[in-house]
Amino acid sequence: AYVDGKWSAYSEADFVEANLPGYFIMGSSNATVTQMISLFQTSGKSYPSNVYSSKGAPTLESFCQTVYDQAQAEGVRAEVLFAQVMWETGWLQFGGDVKPEQCNFGGLGATGNGEPVNSFPSVAIGLRAQAQHLKAYASLEPVNGELYDPRFYYVNPRGCAPCVEDLSGKWAADKNYGVSLVKLIERLLSI
């Protein structure tokens, strides 16, 4: 501080730690597969095994395990990926431009206007692409392994949304998008 015409001295004791508000997208997962299964079951929706049996996730359990695995593979918190999948798809019921068989759980490429959206051959690749897209928003790190997200390099600037709340107005135009996802994450973690 500038006091009485001179700069005051400071020491390490003068530093304080500040916690930034927000739920970080990248990091170790706080949710378990069991919690994901339980939260989905509270939604009252049916798991579309008829669609995903041929796409590598015949059961809700295998779907949730794949969410966890694909998030972990990119360093994204599994609870963030799971919450976004459930929010974007209406608990895997879809409706709108994206169809369940496209395995596009994050609406990648869905701009409205009747434009075609991205499709993925399996649940695992669709979830990995979405985790990679979250990673593009949340960090400057490259993807781990093969790049499946065709929109990864459209995120500009990279790392512009390190927290879930920062996705508002970026991933989706909705200004409350990130807050809605965080509320869903909180429900998941409280199970």
N, C-alpha and C. Protein backbone atom coordinates (compact mmCIF):
# COMPACT_ATOMS: atom_id res chain seq x y z
N ALA A 1 0.84 -1.18 0.00
CA ALA A 1 0.00 0.00 0.00
C ALA A 1 0.89 1.24 0.00
N TYR A 2 0.38 2.31 -0.52
CA TYR A 2 1.09 3.58 -0.54
C TYR A 2 0.53 4.40 0.62
N VAL A 3 1.32 4.60 1.66
CA VAL A 3 0.87 5.27 2.87
C VAL A 3 1.85 6.39 3.23
N ASP A 4 1.30 7.57 3.51
CA ASP A 4 2.12 8.72 3.94
C ASP A 4 3.30 8.98 3.01
N GLY A 5 3.06 8.89 1.71
CA GLY A 5 4.07 9.23 0.73
C GLY A 5 5.12 8.16 0.49
N LYS A 6 4.92 6.95 0.99
CA LYS A 6 5.88 5.87 0.72
C LYS A 6 5.15 4.52 0.69
N TRP A 7 5.80 3.58 0.06
CA TRP A 7 5.24 2.24 -0.02
C TRP A 7 5.50 1.51 1.29
N SER A 8 4.49 0.85 1.80
CA SER A 8 4.66 0.09 3.04
C SER A 8 5.34 -1.24 2.73
N ALA A 9 6.02 -1.76 3.72
CA ALA A 9 6.67 -3.06 3.59
C ALA A 9 5.63 -4.17 3.71
N TYR A 10 5.93 -5.30 3.16
CA TYR A 10 5.04 -6.44 3.31
C TYR A 10 5.88 -7.70 3.46
N SER A 11 5.26 -8.72 3.99
CA SER A 11 5.95 -10.00 4.15
C SER A 11 5.00 -11.12 3.74
N GLU A 12 5.48 -12.33 3.82
CA GLU A 12 4.64 -13.50 3.48
C GLU A 12 3.37 -13.52 4.34
N ALA A 13 3.46 -12.99 5.54
CA ALA A 13 2.31 -12.99 6.45
C ALA A 13 1.16 -12.12 5.93
N ASP A 14 1.47 -11.22 5.01
CA ASP A 14 0.44 -10.34 4.48
C ASP A 14 -0.39 -10.98 3.36
N PHE A 15 0.07 -12.09 2.83
CA PHE A 15 -0.66 -12.75 1.76
C PHE A 15 -1.85 -13.51 2.31
N VAL A 16 -2.95 -13.47 1.60
CA VAL A 16 -4.13 -14.22 1.98
C VAL A 16 -4.52 -15.13 0.83
N GLU A 17 -5.14 -16.23 1.16
CA GLU A 17 -5.60 -17.16 0.14
C GLU A 17 -7.04 -16.81 -0.19
N ALA A 18 -7.34 -16.76 -1.46
CA ALA A 18 -8.70 -16.46 -1.90
C ALA A 18 -9.25 -17.66 -2.65
N ASN A 19 -10.48 -18.00 -2.39
CA ASN A 19 -11.15 -19.05 -3.13
C ASN A 19 -12.00 -18.41 -4.21
N LEU A 20 -11.73 -18.81 -5.45
CA LEU A 20 -12.53 -18.29 -6.55
C LEU A 20 -13.86 -19.01 -6.59
N PRO A 21 -14.92 -18.31 -6.86
CA PRO A 21 -16.21 -18.97 -6.94
C PRO A 21 -16.28 -19.83 -8.20
N GLY A 22 -16.90 -20.93 -8.10
CA GLY A 22 -17.09 -21.76 -9.27
C GLY A 22 -16.70 -23.20 -9.04
N TYR A 23 -17.27 -24.06 -9.86
CA TYR A 23 -17.00 -25.49 -9.78
C TYR A 23 -16.11 -25.84 -10.97
N PHE A 24 -14.88 -26.22 -10.69
CA PHE A 24 -13.92 -26.49 -11.75
C PHE A 24 -14.31 -27.70 -12.59
N ILE A 25 -14.17 -27.56 -13.89
CA ILE A 25 -14.48 -28.63 -14.83
C ILE A 25 -13.41 -29.71 -14.80
N MET A 26 -12.16 -29.30 -14.73
CA MET A 26 -11.04 -30.24 -14.74
C MET A 26 -10.70 -30.65 -13.31
N GLY A 27 -10.24 -31.88 -13.15
CA GLY A 27 -9.82 -32.33 -11.84
C GLY A 27 -10.30 -33.73 -11.53
N SER A 28 -10.01 -34.17 -10.34
CA SER A 28 -10.44 -35.49 -9.89
C SER A 28 -11.94 -35.50 -9.67
N SER A 29 -12.55 -36.59 -10.06
CA SER A 29 -14.00 -36.71 -9.92
C SER A 29 -14.40 -36.88 -8.47
N ASN A 30 -15.51 -36.27 -8.12
CA ASN A 30 -16.07 -36.38 -6.78
C ASN A 30 -17.27 -37.31 -6.74
N ALA A 31 -17.77 -37.68 -7.90
CA ALA A 31 -18.95 -38.54 -7.99
C ALA A 31 -18.54 -39.97 -8.34
N THR A 32 -19.37 -40.90 -7.95
CA THR A 32 -19.15 -42.30 -8.29
C THR A 32 -20.18 -42.74 -9.33
N VAL A 33 -19.91 -43.87 -9.94
CA VAL A 33 -20.85 -44.45 -10.89
C VAL A 33 -22.16 -44.77 -10.17
N THR A 34 -22.09 -45.25 -8.97
CA THR A 34 -23.28 -45.58 -8.18
C THR A 34 -24.15 -44.34 -7.97
N GLN A 35 -23.54 -43.20 -7.68
CA GLN A 35 -24.31 -41.96 -7.52
C GLN A 35 -24.99 -41.57 -8.83
N MET A 36 -24.29 -41.73 -9.95
CA MET A 36 -24.90 -41.39 -11.25
C MET A 36 -26.12 -42.27 -11.52
N ILE A 37 -25.97 -43.55 -11.26
CA ILE A 37 -27.10 -44.48 -11.46
C ILE A 37 -28.27 -44.06 -10.58
N SER A 38 -28.00 -43.78 -9.33
CA SER A 38 -29.06 -43.40 -8.38
C SER A 38 -29.77 -42.12 -8.80
N LEU A 39 -29.01 -41.11 -9.24
CA LEU A 39 -29.65 -39.86 -9.66
C LEU A 39 -30.49 -40.08 -10.90
N PHE A 40 -29.99 -40.85 -11.86
CA PHE A 40 -30.79 -41.12 -13.06
C PHE A 40 -32.10 -41.79 -12.65
N GLN A 41 -32.03 -42.74 -11.76
CA GLN A 41 -33.24 -43.46 -11.33
C GLN A 41 -34.26 -42.53 -10.68
N THR A 42 -33.81 -41.46 -10.03
CA THR A 42 -34.75 -40.52 -9.43
C THR A 42 -35.45 -39.65 -10.48
N SER A 43 -34.93 -39.64 -11.70
CA SER A 43 -35.53 -38.81 -12.76
C SER A 43 -36.88 -39.35 -13.23
N GLY A 44 -37.11 -40.63 -12.99
CA GLY A 44 -38.35 -41.24 -13.46
C GLY A 44 -38.32 -41.59 -14.94
N LYS A 45 -37.19 -41.41 -15.59
CA LYS A 45 -37.07 -41.71 -17.02
C LYS A 45 -36.54 -43.12 -17.21
N SER A 46 -36.82 -43.69 -18.36
CA SER A 46 -36.33 -45.03 -18.70
C SER A 46 -35.02 -44.91 -19.46
N TYR A 47 -34.10 -45.80 -19.15
CA TYR A 47 -32.86 -45.84 -19.90
C TYR A 47 -33.13 -46.46 -21.27
N PRO A 48 -32.70 -45.80 -22.35
CA PRO A 48 -33.00 -46.29 -23.71
C PRO A 48 -32.05 -47.41 -24.16
N SER A 49 -32.17 -48.56 -23.51
CA SER A 49 -31.28 -49.69 -23.84
C SER A 49 -31.49 -50.16 -25.27
N ASN A 50 -32.71 -49.99 -25.80
CA ASN A 50 -32.96 -50.39 -27.18
C ASN A 50 -32.11 -49.60 -28.17
N VAL A 51 -31.72 -48.39 -27.83
CA VAL A 51 -30.87 -47.57 -28.69
C VAL A 51 -29.40 -47.86 -28.43
N TYR A 52 -29.01 -47.95 -27.17
CA TYR A 52 -27.60 -48.00 -26.83
C TYR A 52 -27.00 -49.39 -26.69
N SER A 53 -27.82 -50.45 -26.78
CA SER A 53 -27.28 -51.81 -26.74
C SER A 53 -26.29 -52.03 -27.87
N SER A 54 -26.62 -51.55 -29.05
CA SER A 54 -25.73 -51.72 -30.21
C SER A 54 -24.64 -50.66 -30.26
N LYS A 55 -24.66 -49.72 -29.31
CA LYS A 55 -23.68 -48.63 -29.29
C LYS A 55 -22.70 -48.75 -28.12
N GLY A 56 -22.70 -49.93 -27.47
CA GLY A 56 -21.70 -50.20 -26.44
C GLY A 56 -22.12 -49.94 -25.01
N ALA A 57 -23.39 -49.60 -24.78
CA ALA A 57 -23.86 -49.35 -23.41
C ALA A 57 -25.27 -49.92 -23.25
N PRO A 58 -25.38 -51.25 -23.12
CA PRO A 58 -26.70 -51.88 -23.06
C PRO A 58 -27.48 -51.59 -21.78
N THR A 59 -26.80 -51.17 -20.71
CA THR A 59 -27.48 -50.92 -19.44
C THR A 59 -27.14 -49.53 -18.92
N LEU A 60 -27.96 -49.05 -18.01
CA LEU A 60 -27.67 -47.78 -17.35
C LEU A 60 -26.32 -47.85 -16.65
N GLU A 61 -26.03 -48.97 -16.03
CA GLU A 61 -24.76 -49.14 -15.33
C GLU A 61 -23.58 -48.99 -16.29
N SER A 62 -23.68 -49.61 -17.47
CA SER A 62 -22.57 -49.52 -18.43
C SER A 62 -22.47 -48.10 -18.99
N PHE A 63 -23.60 -47.42 -19.15
CA PHE A 63 -23.57 -46.04 -19.62
C PHE A 63 -22.86 -45.15 -18.61
N CYS A 64 -23.24 -45.25 -17.35
CA CYS A 64 -22.62 -44.41 -16.30
C CYS A 64 -21.14 -44.73 -16.14
N GLN A 65 -20.77 -45.99 -16.26
CA GLN A 65 -19.34 -46.35 -16.19
C GLN A 65 -18.59 -45.72 -17.35
N THR A 66 -19.20 -45.68 -18.53
CA THR A 66 -18.57 -45.07 -19.70
C THR A 66 -18.44 -43.56 -19.52
N VAL A 67 -19.44 -42.92 -18.93
CA VAL A 67 -19.33 -41.49 -18.61
C VAL A 67 -18.11 -41.28 -17.73
N TYR A 68 -18.01 -42.05 -16.68
CA TYR A 68 -16.90 -41.92 -15.73
C TYR A 68 -15.56 -42.12 -16.43
N ASP A 69 -15.45 -43.19 -17.20
CA ASP A 69 -14.19 -43.54 -17.86
C ASP A 69 -13.76 -42.48 -18.87
N GLN A 70 -14.69 -41.99 -19.67
CA GLN A 70 -14.34 -41.02 -20.71
C GLN A 70 -14.00 -39.65 -20.11
N ALA A 71 -14.67 -39.29 -19.03
CA ALA A 71 -14.31 -38.05 -18.33
C ALA A 71 -12.91 -38.16 -17.77
N GLN A 72 -12.63 -39.27 -17.08
CA GLN A 72 -11.32 -39.49 -16.48
C GLN A 72 -10.21 -39.47 -17.53
N ALA A 73 -10.49 -40.03 -18.69
CA ALA A 73 -9.48 -40.11 -19.75
C ALA A 73 -8.99 -38.74 -20.19
N GLU A 74 -9.85 -37.72 -20.05
CA GLU A 74 -9.47 -36.36 -20.45
C GLU A 74 -9.20 -35.44 -19.26
N GLY A 75 -9.33 -35.97 -18.03
CA GLY A 75 -9.09 -35.13 -16.85
C GLY A 75 -10.25 -34.24 -16.48
N VAL A 76 -11.42 -34.55 -17.05
CA VAL A 76 -12.66 -33.81 -16.75
C VAL A 76 -13.34 -34.51 -15.59
N ARG A 77 -13.92 -33.75 -14.69
CA ARG A 77 -14.65 -34.35 -13.58
C ARG A 77 -15.89 -35.08 -14.12
N ALA A 78 -16.06 -36.32 -13.69
CA ALA A 78 -17.16 -37.14 -14.19
C ALA A 78 -18.52 -36.53 -13.87
N GLU A 79 -18.63 -35.88 -12.72
CA GLU A 79 -19.91 -35.28 -12.35
C GLU A 79 -20.30 -34.14 -13.29
N VAL A 80 -19.30 -33.46 -13.83
CA VAL A 80 -19.58 -32.37 -14.78
C VAL A 80 -20.09 -32.95 -16.08
N LEU A 81 -19.41 -33.96 -16.59
CA LEU A 81 -19.85 -34.60 -17.84
C LEU A 81 -21.23 -35.22 -17.67
N PHE A 82 -21.45 -35.93 -16.58
CA PHE A 82 -22.74 -36.57 -16.34
C PHE A 82 -23.86 -35.53 -16.27
N ALA A 83 -23.67 -34.49 -15.49
CA ALA A 83 -24.71 -33.46 -15.35
C ALA A 83 -25.02 -32.82 -16.69
N GLN A 84 -23.98 -32.54 -17.47
CA GLN A 84 -24.21 -31.91 -18.76
C GLN A 84 -24.95 -32.86 -19.71
N VAL A 85 -24.60 -34.13 -19.70
CA VAL A 85 -25.29 -35.11 -20.53
C VAL A 85 -26.77 -35.15 -20.17
N MET A 86 -27.06 -35.22 -18.90
CA MET A 86 -28.46 -35.31 -18.47
C MET A 86 -29.23 -34.03 -18.79
N TRP A 87 -28.59 -32.90 -18.60
CA TRP A 87 -29.24 -31.61 -18.89
C TRP A 87 -29.50 -31.46 -20.38
N GLU A 88 -28.50 -31.74 -21.18
CA GLU A 88 -28.61 -31.54 -22.64
C GLU A 88 -29.59 -32.50 -23.30
N THR A 89 -29.73 -33.71 -22.75
CA THR A 89 -30.56 -34.73 -23.40
C THR A 89 -31.92 -34.94 -22.73
N GLY A 90 -32.20 -34.20 -21.66
CA GLY A 90 -33.44 -34.45 -20.93
C GLY A 90 -33.48 -35.85 -20.36
N TRP A 91 -32.38 -36.23 -19.69
CA TRP A 91 -32.26 -37.56 -19.10
C TRP A 91 -32.32 -38.65 -20.17
N LEU A 92 -31.58 -38.42 -21.24
CA LEU A 92 -31.43 -39.35 -22.36
C LEU A 92 -32.73 -39.57 -23.15
N GLN A 93 -33.65 -38.63 -23.05
CA GLN A 93 -34.90 -38.73 -23.81
C GLN A 93 -34.83 -37.92 -25.10
N PHE A 94 -33.90 -37.00 -25.18
CA PHE A 94 -33.65 -36.13 -26.32
C PHE A 94 -34.89 -35.34 -26.71
N GLY A 95 -35.08 -35.07 -27.99
CA GLY A 95 -36.15 -34.20 -28.45
C GLY A 95 -35.50 -32.96 -29.04
N GLY A 96 -35.71 -32.69 -30.29
CA GLY A 96 -35.06 -31.55 -30.93
C GLY A 96 -34.20 -32.00 -32.09
N ASP A 97 -33.14 -31.27 -32.36
CA ASP A 97 -32.29 -31.55 -33.52
C ASP A 97 -31.44 -32.80 -33.37
N VAL A 98 -31.10 -33.19 -32.16
CA VAL A 98 -30.22 -34.34 -31.93
C VAL A 98 -31.07 -35.57 -31.63
N LYS A 99 -30.73 -36.67 -32.28
CA LYS A 99 -31.44 -37.93 -32.08
C LYS A 99 -30.60 -38.87 -31.21
N PRO A 100 -31.24 -39.71 -30.40
CA PRO A 100 -30.50 -40.59 -29.49
C PRO A 100 -29.42 -41.43 -30.18
N GLU A 101 -29.72 -41.95 -31.35
CA GLU A 101 -28.78 -42.84 -32.04
C GLU A 101 -27.52 -42.12 -32.54
N GLN A 102 -27.50 -40.79 -32.48
CA GLN A 102 -26.31 -40.04 -32.89
C GLN A 102 -25.21 -40.02 -31.83
N CYS A 103 -25.53 -40.48 -30.62
CA CYS A 103 -24.57 -40.52 -29.51
C CYS A 103 -23.88 -39.17 -29.31
N ASN A 104 -24.64 -38.12 -29.53
CA ASN A 104 -24.15 -36.74 -29.35
C ASN A 104 -24.86 -36.19 -28.12
N PHE A 105 -24.26 -36.41 -26.95
CA PHE A 105 -24.91 -36.11 -25.69
C PHE A 105 -24.72 -34.67 -25.23
N GLY A 106 -23.94 -33.90 -25.97
CA GLY A 106 -23.69 -32.51 -25.60
C GLY A 106 -24.19 -31.53 -26.64
N GLY A 107 -24.88 -32.04 -27.66
CA GLY A 107 -25.39 -31.16 -28.71
C GLY A 107 -24.28 -30.55 -29.55
N LEU A 108 -23.17 -31.26 -29.73
CA LEU A 108 -22.06 -30.72 -30.50
C LEU A 108 -22.50 -30.46 -31.95
N GLY A 109 -22.35 -29.25 -32.37
CA GLY A 109 -22.74 -28.86 -33.72
C GLY A 109 -24.20 -28.48 -33.87
N ALA A 110 -24.98 -28.58 -32.79
CA ALA A 110 -26.40 -28.23 -32.85
C ALA A 110 -26.56 -26.72 -32.69
N THR A 111 -26.84 -26.06 -33.78
CA THR A 111 -26.99 -24.60 -33.75
C THR A 111 -28.43 -24.17 -33.98
N GLY A 112 -29.33 -25.14 -34.08
CA GLY A 112 -30.71 -24.80 -34.43
C GLY A 112 -30.79 -24.72 -35.95
N ASN A 113 -31.45 -23.81 -36.50
CA ASN A 113 -31.47 -23.50 -37.94
C ASN A 113 -31.49 -24.71 -38.87
N GLY A 114 -31.81 -25.92 -38.39
CA GLY A 114 -31.88 -27.10 -39.24
C GLY A 114 -30.54 -27.61 -39.75
N GLU A 115 -29.44 -27.07 -39.23
CA GLU A 115 -28.12 -27.53 -39.65
C GLU A 115 -27.87 -28.94 -39.10
N PRO A 116 -27.13 -29.77 -39.85
CA PRO A 116 -26.84 -31.11 -39.34
C PRO A 116 -25.94 -31.05 -38.10
N VAL A 117 -26.17 -31.98 -37.18
CA VAL A 117 -25.36 -32.03 -35.96
C VAL A 117 -24.38 -33.18 -36.07
N ASN A 118 -23.37 -33.17 -35.22
CA ASN A 118 -22.37 -34.23 -35.24
C ASN A 118 -22.96 -35.54 -34.76
N SER A 119 -22.50 -36.63 -35.35
CA SER A 119 -22.88 -37.99 -34.95
C SER A 119 -21.63 -38.77 -34.61
N PHE A 120 -21.77 -39.71 -33.68
CA PHE A 120 -20.65 -40.52 -33.23
C PHE A 120 -21.07 -41.99 -33.27
N PRO A 121 -20.13 -42.90 -33.58
CA PRO A 121 -20.49 -44.30 -33.79
C PRO A 121 -20.81 -45.09 -32.52
N SER A 122 -20.41 -44.58 -31.36
CA SER A 122 -20.65 -45.31 -30.12
C SER A 122 -20.85 -44.34 -28.97
N VAL A 123 -21.39 -44.88 -27.89
CA VAL A 123 -21.57 -44.09 -26.67
C VAL A 123 -20.21 -43.59 -26.18
N ALA A 124 -19.21 -44.46 -26.16
CA ALA A 124 -17.89 -44.08 -25.65
C ALA A 124 -17.29 -42.94 -26.46
N ILE A 125 -17.36 -43.01 -27.77
CA ILE A 125 -16.76 -41.95 -28.60
C ILE A 125 -17.55 -40.66 -28.47
N GLY A 126 -18.87 -40.76 -28.40
CA GLY A 126 -19.69 -39.55 -28.21
C GLY A 126 -19.38 -38.87 -26.90
N LEU A 127 -19.24 -39.65 -25.83
CA LEU A 127 -18.92 -39.08 -24.52
C LEU A 127 -17.49 -38.55 -24.49
N ARG A 128 -16.57 -39.23 -25.17
CA ARG A 128 -15.19 -38.75 -25.21
C ARG A 128 -15.11 -37.43 -25.96
N ALA A 129 -15.86 -37.30 -27.06
CA ALA A 129 -15.88 -36.04 -27.82
C ALA A 129 -16.40 -34.90 -26.94
N GLN A 130 -17.44 -35.18 -26.17
CA GLN A 130 -18.00 -34.17 -25.29
C GLN A 130 -17.01 -33.80 -24.18
N ALA A 131 -16.34 -34.79 -23.61
CA ALA A 131 -15.32 -34.51 -22.59
C ALA A 131 -14.19 -33.67 -23.19
N GLN A 132 -13.83 -33.96 -24.43
CA GLN A 132 -12.78 -33.18 -25.09
C GLN A 132 -13.24 -31.74 -25.33
N HIS A 133 -14.52 -31.57 -25.64
CA HIS A 133 -15.04 -30.22 -25.86
C HIS A 133 -15.06 -29.43 -24.54
N LEU A 134 -15.44 -30.09 -23.47
CA LEU A 134 -15.37 -29.46 -22.15
C LEU A 134 -13.93 -29.07 -21.84
N LYS A 135 -13.01 -29.96 -22.17
CA LYS A 135 -11.60 -29.69 -21.92
C LYS A 135 -11.13 -28.47 -22.71
N ALA A 136 -11.60 -28.31 -23.94
CA ALA A 136 -11.22 -27.15 -24.75
C ALA A 136 -11.67 -25.85 -24.07
N TYR A 137 -12.84 -25.86 -23.47
CA TYR A 137 -13.34 -24.69 -22.75
C TYR A 137 -12.58 -24.45 -21.45
N ALA A 138 -12.21 -25.55 -20.77
CA ALA A 138 -11.71 -25.43 -19.41
C ALA A 138 -10.19 -25.36 -19.27
N SER A 139 -9.45 -25.71 -20.31
CA SER A 139 -8.00 -25.77 -20.16
C SER A 139 -7.28 -25.51 -21.47
N LEU A 140 -5.98 -25.42 -21.36
CA LEU A 140 -5.13 -25.24 -22.54
C LEU A 140 -4.43 -26.55 -22.91
N GLU A 141 -4.70 -27.60 -22.17
CA GLU A 141 -4.06 -28.89 -22.39
C GLU A 141 -4.59 -29.55 -23.66
N PRO A 142 -3.73 -30.31 -24.35
CA PRO A 142 -4.20 -31.05 -25.53
C PRO A 142 -5.04 -32.25 -25.09
N VAL A 143 -5.75 -32.85 -26.05
CA VAL A 143 -6.51 -34.06 -25.74
C VAL A 143 -5.55 -35.20 -25.49
N ASN A 144 -6.03 -36.20 -24.78
CA ASN A 144 -5.25 -37.41 -24.50
C ASN A 144 -5.64 -38.46 -25.53
N GLY A 145 -4.74 -38.79 -26.42
CA GLY A 145 -5.04 -39.78 -27.45
C GLY A 145 -5.69 -39.13 -28.65
N GLU A 146 -6.53 -39.91 -29.31
CA GLU A 146 -7.16 -39.47 -30.56
C GLU A 146 -8.19 -38.36 -30.31
N LEU A 147 -8.23 -37.41 -31.21
CA LEU A 147 -9.21 -36.32 -31.14
C LEU A 147 -10.51 -36.78 -31.80
N TYR A 148 -11.59 -36.80 -31.03
CA TYR A 148 -12.91 -37.18 -31.54
C TYR A 148 -13.83 -35.98 -31.69
N ASP A 149 -13.53 -34.90 -31.01
CA ASP A 149 -14.38 -33.71 -31.03
C ASP A 149 -14.08 -32.89 -32.29
N PRO A 150 -15.00 -32.89 -33.27
CA PRO A 150 -14.74 -32.13 -34.50
C PRO A 150 -14.79 -30.62 -34.29
N ARG A 151 -15.23 -30.19 -33.12
CA ARG A 151 -15.36 -28.76 -32.84
C ARG A 151 -14.34 -28.27 -31.81
N PHE A 152 -13.38 -29.11 -31.47
CA PHE A 152 -12.39 -28.79 -30.44
C PHE A 152 -11.69 -27.46 -30.74
N TYR A 153 -11.27 -27.27 -31.97
CA TYR A 153 -10.50 -26.07 -32.32
C TYR A 153 -11.37 -24.84 -32.60
N TYR A 154 -12.68 -25.01 -32.52
CA TYR A 154 -13.57 -23.85 -32.65
C TYR A 154 -13.67 -23.06 -31.34
N VAL A 155 -13.26 -23.67 -30.24
CA VAL A 155 -13.31 -22.98 -28.95
C VAL A 155 -12.19 -21.95 -28.92
N ASN A 156 -12.59 -20.69 -28.90
CA ASN A 156 -11.62 -19.60 -28.97
C ASN A 156 -12.07 -18.46 -28.07
N PRO A 157 -11.30 -18.12 -27.07
CA PRO A 157 -10.00 -18.71 -26.76
C PRO A 157 -10.15 -19.98 -25.94
N ARG A 158 -9.21 -20.88 -26.13
CA ARG A 158 -9.15 -22.08 -25.31
C ARG A 158 -9.00 -21.66 -23.85
N GLY A 159 -9.58 -22.44 -22.95
CA GLY A 159 -9.44 -22.17 -21.53
C GLY A 159 -10.30 -21.03 -21.03
N CYS A 160 -11.28 -20.60 -21.82
CA CYS A 160 -12.11 -19.43 -21.46
C CYS A 160 -13.16 -19.74 -20.40
N ALA A 161 -13.34 -21.01 -20.04
CA ALA A 161 -14.37 -21.39 -19.07
C ALA A 161 -13.83 -22.47 -18.14
N PRO A 162 -12.96 -22.11 -17.20
CA PRO A 162 -12.41 -23.13 -16.30
C PRO A 162 -13.44 -23.71 -15.33
N CYS A 163 -14.50 -22.97 -15.07
CA CYS A 163 -15.56 -23.42 -14.15
C CYS A 163 -16.85 -23.67 -14.90
N VAL A 164 -17.68 -24.53 -14.36
CA VAL A 164 -18.96 -24.87 -14.96
C VAL A 164 -19.80 -23.60 -15.18
N GLU A 165 -19.79 -22.72 -14.20
CA GLU A 165 -20.58 -21.49 -14.31
C GLU A 165 -20.15 -20.64 -15.51
N ASP A 166 -18.89 -20.75 -15.91
CA ASP A 166 -18.36 -19.98 -17.03
C ASP A 166 -18.91 -20.45 -18.38
N LEU A 167 -19.55 -21.61 -18.41
CA LEU A 167 -20.12 -22.12 -19.66
C LEU A 167 -21.36 -21.34 -20.09
N SER A 168 -21.95 -20.62 -19.16
CA SER A 168 -23.14 -19.81 -19.47
C SER A 168 -22.81 -18.81 -20.57
N GLY A 169 -23.64 -18.81 -21.61
CA GLY A 169 -23.42 -17.88 -22.72
C GLY A 169 -22.31 -18.31 -23.65
N LYS A 170 -21.66 -19.43 -23.35
CA LYS A 170 -20.58 -19.93 -24.21
C LYS A 170 -20.95 -21.27 -24.83
N TRP A 171 -21.14 -22.29 -23.99
CA TRP A 171 -21.57 -23.59 -24.51
C TRP A 171 -23.01 -23.46 -25.00
N ALA A 172 -23.79 -22.73 -24.24
CA ALA A 172 -25.20 -22.49 -24.57
C ALA A 172 -25.48 -21.01 -24.36
N ALA A 173 -26.42 -20.49 -25.11
CA ALA A 173 -26.75 -19.06 -25.02
C ALA A 173 -27.38 -18.70 -23.68
N ASP A 174 -27.99 -19.67 -23.03
CA ASP A 174 -28.65 -19.46 -21.75
C ASP A 174 -27.67 -18.90 -20.71
N LYS A 175 -27.99 -17.76 -20.14
CA LYS A 175 -27.12 -17.12 -19.14
C LYS A 175 -27.12 -17.86 -17.81
N ASN A 176 -28.08 -18.76 -17.60
CA ASN A 176 -28.15 -19.55 -16.37
C ASN A 176 -27.69 -20.99 -16.59
N TYR A 177 -27.16 -21.28 -17.76
CA TYR A 177 -26.76 -22.64 -18.13
C TYR A 177 -25.83 -23.27 -17.08
N GLY A 178 -24.74 -22.60 -16.76
CA GLY A 178 -23.76 -23.13 -15.82
C GLY A 178 -24.34 -23.32 -14.43
N VAL A 179 -25.16 -22.38 -13.99
CA VAL A 179 -25.78 -22.49 -12.67
C VAL A 179 -26.71 -23.70 -12.62
N SER A 180 -27.43 -23.94 -13.71
CA SER A 180 -28.32 -25.10 -13.78
C SER A 180 -27.52 -26.39 -13.68
N LEU A 181 -26.38 -26.44 -14.36
CA LEU A 181 -25.53 -27.63 -14.29
C LEU A 181 -24.98 -27.83 -12.88
N VAL A 182 -24.57 -26.76 -12.23
CA VAL A 182 -24.03 -26.87 -10.88
C VAL A 182 -25.10 -27.39 -9.91
N LYS A 183 -26.33 -26.95 -10.06
CA LYS A 183 -27.41 -27.45 -9.21
C LYS A 183 -27.59 -28.96 -9.40
N LEU A 184 -27.46 -29.41 -10.65
CA LEU A 184 -27.57 -30.83 -10.92
C LEU A 184 -26.38 -31.59 -10.33
N ILE A 185 -25.19 -31.02 -10.43
CA ILE A 185 -24.00 -31.62 -9.81
C ILE A 185 -24.18 -31.72 -8.30
N GLU A 186 -24.71 -30.68 -7.69
CA GLU A 186 -24.94 -30.70 -6.23
C GLU A 186 -25.92 -31.81 -5.85
N ARG A 187 -26.96 -32.00 -6.66
CA ARG A 187 -27.92 -33.10 -6.40
C ARG A 187 -27.20 -34.44 -6.49
N LEU A 188 -26.37 -34.58 -7.51
CA LEU A 188 -25.63 -35.83 -7.70
C LEU A 188 -24.72 -36.13 -6.52
N LEU A 189 -23.98 -35.13 -6.08
CA LEU A 189 -23.01 -35.34 -5.01
C LEU A 189 -23.68 -35.54 -3.65
N SER A 190 -24.93 -35.15 -3.53
CA SER A 190 -25.62 -35.29 -2.24
C SER A 190 -26.26 -36.68 -2.06
N ILE A 191 -26.23 -37.49 -3.10
CA ILE A 191 -26.83 -38.84 -3.02
C ILE A 191 -25.92 -39.77 -2.25
